[in-house]
Amino acid sequence: DEFSAFARMPKPDMKVVDLREALREASFLVEVSRSDIAFQRDFGDVPLTGTFDSRLIAQAIGNVIKNAAEAIEAAERESGEAGAILIRARRGGDSIRVDVIDNGKGLPRDNRQRLLEPYMTTREKGTGLGLAIVKKIVEDHGGHLELHDAPPEFHGGRGAMITMILPAAKSSDAAEGGATDK
């Protein structure tokens, strides 16, 4: 299924929307199936307006959150230590930054960027298409994807942080989108 989806990725149906809704939807879908993981959301108080295909961007975010949950499952834990995922999003100038941070097993240090290539995986049963699909969706939206270690203030830096940088709507676009989408 993942290969078919990657091979025939639909052309994005772009509309001016608030990204926070796609973030809530994607994180909720993973959260309801993973009661063993503590989910935190921090989307700020300002609309995260941009021109997106809501379905595709929610799929990309959902893939990253699902990967985070699987990394937590694969990590060796101290007894009593809970898995945690933070989904954080902020507008900064003309872009929106979305971080998905987990306290899972983390990313390999060597050749980390290769994880974005099709068929590259570190998982025993992985297809290696999840992050390649995310990368393609993000790039089709005019953005880019970054792979980092979790920041030190999040569970001592244990785990990974996947960052999506997406273009934000200009003020006039956001005003038009807000008026037509209601």
Protein backbone atom coordinates (compact mmCIF):
# COMPACT_ATOMS: atom_id res chain seq x y z
CA ASP A 1 0.00 0.00 0.00
CA GLU A 2 2.79 2.43 0.90
CA PHE A 3 4.57 1.73 -2.40
CA SER A 4 1.37 2.34 -4.39
CA ALA A 5 0.74 5.56 -2.49
CA PHE A 6 4.31 6.72 -3.14
CA ALA A 7 4.20 5.78 -6.83
CA ARG A 8 0.97 7.62 -7.52
CA MET A 9 1.02 10.51 -5.09
CA PRO A 10 -1.96 12.72 -5.93
CA LYS A 11 -1.39 16.29 -7.02
CA PRO A 12 -2.10 18.46 -3.99
CA ASP A 13 -5.50 20.23 -3.86
CA MET A 14 -4.27 23.46 -2.29
CA LYS A 15 -6.48 25.73 -0.17
CA VAL A 16 -5.74 28.39 2.43
CA VAL A 17 -6.28 26.65 5.78
CA ASP A 18 -5.19 26.79 9.42
CA LEU A 19 -2.63 24.00 9.86
CA ARG A 20 -3.63 23.52 13.51
CA GLU A 21 -6.69 21.48 12.45
CA ALA A 22 -4.56 18.98 10.47
CA LEU A 23 -2.15 18.78 13.44
CA ARG A 24 -5.00 18.04 15.88
CA GLU A 25 -6.54 15.44 13.56
CA ALA A 26 -3.28 13.60 12.84
CA SER A 27 -2.14 13.55 16.48
CA PHE A 28 -5.57 12.46 17.76
CA LEU A 29 -5.66 9.46 15.40
CA VAL A 30 -2.37 8.12 16.78
CA GLU A 31 -3.15 9.08 20.39
CA VAL A 32 -6.39 7.08 20.58
CA SER A 33 -4.54 3.92 19.57
CA ARG A 34 -1.59 4.52 21.94
CA SER A 35 -2.85 5.14 25.48
CA ASP A 36 0.61 4.10 26.76
CA ILE A 37 2.17 7.31 25.38
CA ALA A 38 1.76 10.79 26.84
CA PHE A 39 0.90 13.25 24.06
CA GLN A 40 1.46 16.99 24.38
CA ARG A 41 0.36 19.58 21.84
CA ASP A 42 1.59 23.14 21.63
CA PHE A 43 0.24 24.97 18.57
CA GLY A 44 0.26 28.47 20.04
CA ASP A 45 -2.62 30.94 19.99
CA VAL A 46 -2.06 32.33 16.50
CA PRO A 47 -3.62 30.68 13.43
CA LEU A 48 -1.02 28.76 11.41
CA THR A 49 -2.43 29.75 8.04
CA GLY A 50 -0.91 28.50 4.82
CA THR A 51 -1.84 27.05 1.46
CA PHE A 52 -2.07 23.29 2.00
CA ASP A 53 -3.81 20.14 0.86
CA SER A 54 -5.31 19.30 4.26
CA ARG A 55 -5.54 15.57 3.56
CA LEU A 56 -1.95 15.19 2.35
CA ILE A 57 -0.43 17.37 5.07
CA ALA A 58 -2.40 15.44 7.75
CA GLN A 59 -1.07 12.20 6.20
CA ALA A 60 2.53 13.49 6.42
CA ILE A 61 2.11 14.64 10.02
CA GLY A 62 0.38 11.37 10.92
CA ASN A 63 3.26 9.35 9.42
CA VAL A 64 5.80 11.27 11.51
CA ILE A 65 3.75 10.85 14.70
CA LYS A 66 3.27 7.12 13.98
CA ASN A 67 7.05 6.79 13.49
CA ALA A 68 7.57 8.53 16.84
CA ALA A 69 5.22 6.06 18.55
CA GLU A 70 7.06 3.12 16.95
CA ALA A 71 10.43 4.56 18.05
CA ILE A 72 9.13 4.73 21.62
CA GLU A 73 8.00 1.10 21.37
CA ALA A 74 11.47 0.08 20.12
CA ALA A 75 13.38 1.96 22.83
CA GLU A 76 14.69 0.26 25.91
CA ARG A 77 13.06 1.95 28.88
CA GLU A 78 13.78 2.27 32.54
CA SER A 79 10.91 0.70 34.45
CA GLY A 80 8.18 3.24 35.01
CA GLU A 81 9.48 5.60 32.31
CA ALA A 82 6.62 6.55 30.01
CA GLY A 83 6.81 7.27 26.32
CA ALA A 84 6.20 10.91 25.36
CA ILE A 85 5.49 12.76 22.13
CA LEU A 86 5.36 16.54 21.81
CA ILE A 87 3.82 18.07 18.68
CA ARG A 88 4.77 21.74 18.56
CA ALA A 89 4.02 24.30 15.85
CA ARG A 90 4.81 28.00 15.49
CA ARG A 91 4.78 30.65 12.83
CA GLY A 92 8.07 32.51 12.39
CA GLY A 93 8.11 35.20 9.72
CA ASP A 94 7.06 33.68 6.41
CA SER A 95 7.19 30.04 7.53
CA ILE A 96 5.53 27.58 9.89
CA ARG A 97 7.71 25.20 11.85
CA VAL A 98 6.23 21.89 13.03
CA ASP A 99 8.30 19.75 15.41
CA VAL A 100 7.39 16.19 16.37
CA ILE A 101 9.61 15.21 19.30
CA ASP A 102 9.71 11.78 20.96
CA ASN A 103 11.70 10.05 23.69
CA GLY A 104 12.14 6.89 21.64
CA LYS A 105 15.25 5.16 20.36
CA GLY A 106 16.42 8.17 18.35
CA LEU A 107 17.89 8.42 14.86
CA PRO A 108 21.20 6.98 13.68
CA ARG A 109 24.05 9.49 13.69
CA ASP A 110 25.66 8.24 10.47
CA ASN A 111 23.93 8.82 7.14
CA ARG A 112 20.83 10.18 8.88
CA GLN A 113 19.64 11.99 5.74
CA ARG A 114 19.47 8.64 3.91
CA LEU A 115 16.36 7.85 5.99
CA LEU A 116 14.54 10.25 3.65
CA GLU A 117 15.35 8.09 0.61
CA PRO A 118 12.84 5.50 -0.64
CA TYR A 119 13.42 1.97 0.73
CA MET A 120 15.89 3.12 3.40
CA THR A 121 14.85 1.84 6.82
CA THR A 122 16.38 0.92 10.16
CA ARG A 123 13.36 -1.17 11.18
CA GLU A 124 13.15 -4.91 10.78
CA LYS A 125 9.69 -4.74 9.18
CA GLY A 126 9.85 -1.23 7.73
CA THR A 127 9.35 -0.52 4.04
CA GLY A 128 11.49 2.60 4.02
CA LEU A 129 8.73 4.63 2.37
CA GLY A 130 7.18 6.48 5.33
CA LEU A 131 9.68 9.36 5.55
CA ALA A 132 10.15 9.41 1.75
CA ILE A 133 6.39 10.02 1.42
CA VAL A 134 6.51 12.71 4.14
CA LYS A 135 9.45 14.40 2.39
CA LYS A 136 7.62 14.40 -0.96
CA ILE A 137 4.42 15.85 0.56
CA VAL A 138 6.35 18.56 2.43
CA GLU A 139 8.36 19.47 -0.69
CA ASP A 140 5.17 19.53 -2.81
CA HIS A 141 3.95 22.16 -0.34
CA GLY A 142 7.09 24.27 -0.84
CA GLY A 143 8.69 23.19 2.42
CA HIS A 144 11.50 20.98 3.66
CA LEU A 145 12.06 18.25 6.24
CA GLU A 146 14.82 18.09 8.88
CA LEU A 147 15.94 15.18 11.09
CA HIS A 148 17.40 16.04 14.52
CA ASP A 149 18.07 14.57 17.92
CA ALA A 150 15.52 15.53 20.57
CA PRO A 151 16.46 18.82 22.28
CA PRO A 152 18.15 18.49 25.70
CA GLU A 153 15.16 20.02 27.54
CA PHE A 154 12.91 17.16 26.30
CA HIS A 155 13.61 14.04 28.40
CA GLY A 156 17.32 14.84 28.52
CA GLY A 157 17.66 14.85 24.73
CA ARG A 158 16.74 11.20 24.39
CA GLY A 159 14.90 10.48 21.15
CA ALA A 160 14.34 12.31 17.89
CA MET A 161 12.88 15.52 16.53
CA ILE A 162 11.45 15.65 13.02
CA THR A 163 10.92 19.20 11.79
CA MET A 164 8.73 20.28 8.91
CA ILE A 165 9.24 23.83 7.66
CA LEU A 166 6.29 24.97 5.55
CA PRO A 167 5.49 28.30 3.90
CA ALA A 168 2.98 30.46 5.79
CA ALA A 169 0.30 32.47 4.02
CA LYS A 170 0.93 36.14 3.56
CA SER A 171 -1.50 38.28 5.59
CA SER A 172 -3.73 39.07 2.59
CA ASP A 173 -3.94 35.35 1.62
CA ALA A 174 -4.89 34.42 5.17
CA ALA A 175 -7.62 37.08 5.28
CA GLU A 176 -9.06 35.84 1.96
CA GLY A 177 -8.87 32.19 3.06
CA GLY A 178 -10.55 32.97 6.36
CA ALA A 179 -13.40 34.73 4.58
CA THR A 180 -14.02 32.00 1.99
CA ASP A 181 -13.58 28.94 4.22
CA LYS A 182 -16.32 29.81 6.73
